[in-house]
């Protein structure tokens, strides 16, 4: 994992450090899957406040951290907002079809996609 250069730079795993078991763990949680569905449906980066979850702020922060540290999302600061983007290109290259299958399965189950 790369290290954060400052308090405004967040650590993300390099593409070759993204592990399948960590991605699957991140996607297995309904709240995190909800975030991934929303990011996949959007055209642009979305702030954490736009991706409201029905949990406490600290729990929401935990979910975003798990997604970031597993390599599922990229988070960047713009001013005071923390923006989130799905790392679809990296995930599709490493695990072809995985993200599409998970999102399609979630949609069939009605889990927020």
C-alpha atoms as a PDB file:
ATOM      1  CA  UNK A   1       0.000   0.000   0.000  1.00  0.00           C
ATOM      2  CA  UNK A   2       1.236   3.473  -0.733  1.00  0.00           C
ATOM      3  CA  UNK A   3       1.662   5.823   2.168  1.00  0.00           C
ATOM      4  CA  UNK A   4      -0.204   9.069   2.612  1.00  0.00           C
ATOM      5  CA  UNK A   5       2.003  12.052   1.849  1.00  0.00           C
ATOM      6  CA  UNK A   6       0.011  14.446   4.007  1.00  0.00           C
ATOM      7  CA  UNK A   7      -3.237  14.568   5.927  1.00  0.00           C
ATOM      8  CA  UNK A   8      -4.946  15.625   2.664  1.00  0.00           C
ATOM      9  CA  UNK A   9      -3.555  12.715   0.635  1.00  0.00           C
ATOM     10  CA  UNK A  10      -5.107   9.306   1.194  1.00  0.00           C
ATOM     11  CA  UNK A  11      -3.300   5.998   0.749  1.00  0.00           C
ATOM     12  CA  UNK A  12      -4.556   3.695  -1.998  1.00  0.00           C
ATOM     13  CA  UNK A  13      -3.154   0.342  -3.090  1.00  0.00           C
ATOM     14  CA  UNK A  14      -1.382   0.334  -6.430  1.00  0.00           C
ATOM     15  CA  UNK A  15      -3.206  -1.709  -9.062  1.00  0.00           C
ATOM     16  CA  UNK A  16      -0.840  -4.679  -8.720  1.00  0.00           C
ATOM     17  CA  UNK A  17      -1.403  -4.710  -4.922  1.00  0.00           C
ATOM     18  CA  UNK A  18      -5.206  -5.078  -5.122  1.00  0.00           C
ATOM     19  CA  UNK A  19      -6.113  -8.519  -3.771  1.00  0.00           C
ATOM     20  CA  UNK A  20      -9.223 -10.454  -4.774  1.00  0.00           C
ATOM     21  CA  UNK A  21     -10.028 -11.505  -1.208  1.00  0.00           C
ATOM     22  CA  UNK A  22      -9.988  -7.877  -0.031  1.00  0.00           C
ATOM     23  CA  UNK A  23     -12.212  -6.762  -2.914  1.00  0.00           C
ATOM     24  CA  UNK A  24     -14.692  -9.560  -2.190  1.00  0.00           C
ATOM     25  CA  UNK A  25     -14.684  -8.694   1.511  1.00  0.00           C
ATOM     26  CA  UNK A  26     -15.395  -5.038   0.689  1.00  0.00           C
ATOM     27  CA  UNK A  27     -18.215  -5.919  -1.709  1.00  0.00           C
ATOM     28  CA  UNK A  28     -19.815  -8.411   0.697  1.00  0.00           C
ATOM     29  CA  UNK A  29     -21.175  -5.721   3.021  1.00  0.00           C
ATOM     30  CA  UNK A  30     -24.597  -4.289   2.045  1.00  0.00           C
ATOM     31  CA  UNK A  31     -23.661  -0.690   2.920  1.00  0.00           C
ATOM     32  CA  UNK A  32     -20.435  -0.825   0.934  1.00  0.00           C
ATOM     33  CA  UNK A  33     -22.215  -2.499  -1.976  1.00  0.00           C
ATOM     34  CA  UNK A  34     -24.733   0.345  -1.874  1.00  0.00           C
ATOM     35  CA  UNK A  35     -21.874   2.858  -2.271  1.00  0.00           C
ATOM     36  CA  UNK A  36     -20.385   0.897  -5.177  1.00  0.00           C
ATOM     37  CA  UNK A  37     -23.785   0.735  -6.913  1.00  0.00           C
ATOM     38  CA  UNK A  38     -24.244   4.493  -6.544  1.00  0.00           C
ATOM     39  CA  UNK A  39     -20.752   5.227  -7.850  1.00  0.00           C
ATOM     40  CA  UNK A  40     -21.260   2.876 -10.785  1.00  0.00           C
ATOM     41  CA  UNK A  41     -24.539   4.571 -11.677  1.00  0.00           C
ATOM     42  CA  UNK A  42     -23.052   8.079 -11.535  1.00  0.00           C
ATOM     43  CA  UNK A  43     -21.085   9.804 -14.256  1.00  0.00           C
ATOM     44  CA  UNK A  44     -18.801  11.738 -11.933  1.00  0.00           C
ATOM     45  CA  UNK A  45     -17.058  11.505  -8.612  1.00  0.00           C
ATOM     46  CA  UNK A  46     -19.401  11.826  -5.664  1.00  0.00           C
ATOM     47  CA  UNK A  47     -18.781  13.244  -2.229  1.00  0.00           C
ATOM     48  CA  UNK A  48     -19.330  11.201   0.908  1.00  0.00           C
ATOM     49  CA  UNK A  49     -22.270  13.431   1.784  1.00  0.00           C
ATOM     50  CA  UNK A  50     -23.930  12.666  -1.568  1.00  0.00           C
ATOM     51  CA  UNK A  51     -23.593   8.954  -0.823  1.00  0.00           C
ATOM     52  CA  UNK A  52     -25.534   9.039   2.413  1.00  0.00           C
ATOM     53  CA  UNK A  53     -25.773   5.769   4.297  1.00  0.00           C
ATOM     54  CA  UNK A  54     -28.303   4.976   7.039  1.00  0.00           C
ATOM     55  CA  UNK A  55     -25.519   4.549   9.607  1.00  0.00           C
ATOM     56  CA  UNK A  56     -23.556   6.795  11.957  1.00  0.00           C
ATOM     57  CA  UNK A  57     -20.843   9.043  10.552  1.00  0.00           C
ATOM     58  CA  UNK A  58     -18.086   6.919  12.116  1.00  0.00           C
ATOM     59  CA  UNK A  59     -19.538   3.735  10.604  1.00  0.00           C
ATOM     60  CA  UNK A  60     -19.848   5.448   7.224  1.00  0.00           C
ATOM     61  CA  UNK A  61     -16.202   6.529   7.482  1.00  0.00           C
ATOM     62  CA  UNK A  62     -15.239   2.926   8.218  1.00  0.00           C
ATOM     63  CA  UNK A  63     -17.095   1.652   5.134  1.00  0.00           C
ATOM     64  CA  UNK A  64     -15.417   4.198   2.857  1.00  0.00           C
ATOM     65  CA  UNK A  65     -12.005   3.324   4.323  1.00  0.00           C
ATOM     66  CA  UNK A  66     -12.543  -0.400   3.676  1.00  0.00           C
ATOM     67  CA  UNK A  67     -13.539   0.341   0.078  1.00  0.00           C
ATOM     68  CA  UNK A  68     -10.500   2.594  -0.425  1.00  0.00           C
ATOM     69  CA  UNK A  69      -7.971   0.291   1.235  1.00  0.00           C
ATOM     70  CA  UNK A  70      -9.225  -2.717  -0.730  1.00  0.00           C
ATOM     71  CA  UNK A  71      -8.789  -0.827  -4.013  1.00  0.00           C
ATOM     72  CA  UNK A  72     -12.482  -0.656  -4.917  1.00  0.00           C
ATOM     73  CA  UNK A  73     -12.692   3.156  -4.791  1.00  0.00           C
ATOM     74  CA  UNK A  74     -10.338   6.109  -5.074  1.00  0.00           C
ATOM     75  CA  UNK A  75     -10.836   9.031  -2.705  1.00  0.00           C
ATOM     76  CA  UNK A  76      -9.442  12.502  -3.290  1.00  0.00           C
ATOM     77  CA  UNK A  77      -9.877  15.787  -1.517  1.00  0.00           C
ATOM     78  CA  UNK A  78     -11.233  18.808  -3.397  1.00  0.00           C
ATOM     79  CA  UNK A  79     -11.345  21.694  -0.991  1.00  0.00           C
ATOM     80  CA  UNK A  80     -13.126  20.361   2.070  1.00  0.00           C
ATOM     81  CA  UNK A  81     -14.988  17.606   0.198  1.00  0.00           C
ATOM     82  CA  UNK A  82     -13.741  14.050  -0.062  1.00  0.00           C
ATOM     83  CA  UNK A  83     -14.697  12.750  -3.509  1.00  0.00           C
ATOM     84  CA  UNK A  84     -15.147   9.088  -4.331  1.00  0.00           C
ATOM     85  CA  UNK A  85     -14.727   7.298  -7.646  1.00  0.00           C
ATOM     86  CA  UNK A  86     -15.059   3.632  -8.504  1.00  0.00           C
ATOM     87  CA  UNK A  87     -11.775   2.082  -9.691  1.00  0.00           C
ATOM     88  CA  UNK A  88     -13.625   0.231 -12.430  1.00  0.00           C
ATOM     89  CA  UNK A  89     -10.754   0.231 -14.924  1.00  0.00           C
ATOM     90  CA  UNK A  90      -8.370  -1.334 -12.402  1.00  0.00           C
ATOM     91  CA  UNK A  91     -10.936  -3.878 -11.189  1.00  0.00           C
ATOM     92  CA  UNK A  92     -11.984  -4.854 -14.726  1.00  0.00           C
ATOM     93  CA  UNK A  93      -8.364  -5.342 -15.736  1.00  0.00           C
ATOM     94  CA  UNK A  94      -7.512  -7.455 -12.689  1.00  0.00           C
ATOM     95  CA  UNK A  95     -10.784  -9.375 -12.330  1.00  0.00           C
ATOM     96  CA  UNK A  96     -12.663  -9.295 -15.659  1.00  0.00           C
ATOM     97  CA  UNK A  97     -16.419  -9.479 -15.215  1.00  0.00           C
ATOM     98  CA  UNK A  98     -16.346  -9.524 -11.409  1.00  0.00           C
ATOM     99  CA  UNK A  99     -17.759  -6.061 -10.827  1.00  0.00           C
ATOM    100  CA  UNK A 100     -20.446  -6.468 -13.498  1.00  0.00           C
ATOM    101  CA  UNK A 101     -21.492  -9.819 -12.008  1.00  0.00           C
ATOM    102  CA  UNK A 102     -21.667  -8.474  -8.463  1.00  0.00           C
ATOM    103  CA  UNK A 103     -23.646  -5.401  -9.522  1.00  0.00           C
ATOM    104  CA  UNK A 104     -26.031  -7.482 -11.648  1.00  0.00           C
ATOM    105  CA  UNK A 105     -26.563  -9.881  -8.747  1.00  0.00           C
ATOM    106  CA  UNK A 106     -27.250  -6.998  -6.370  1.00  0.00           C
ATOM    107  CA  UNK A 107     -29.754  -5.530  -8.836  1.00  0.00           C
ATOM    108  CA  UNK A 108     -31.562  -8.887  -9.102  1.00  0.00           C
ATOM    109  CA  UNK A 109     -31.809  -9.059  -5.314  1.00  0.00           C
ATOM    110  CA  UNK A 110     -32.917  -5.427  -5.043  1.00  0.00           C
ATOM    111  CA  UNK A 111     -29.891  -4.497  -2.901  1.00  0.00           C
ATOM    112  CA  UNK A 112     -29.584  -0.885  -3.920  1.00  0.00           C
ATOM    113  CA  UNK A 113     -28.364  -1.212  -7.522  1.00  0.00           C
END
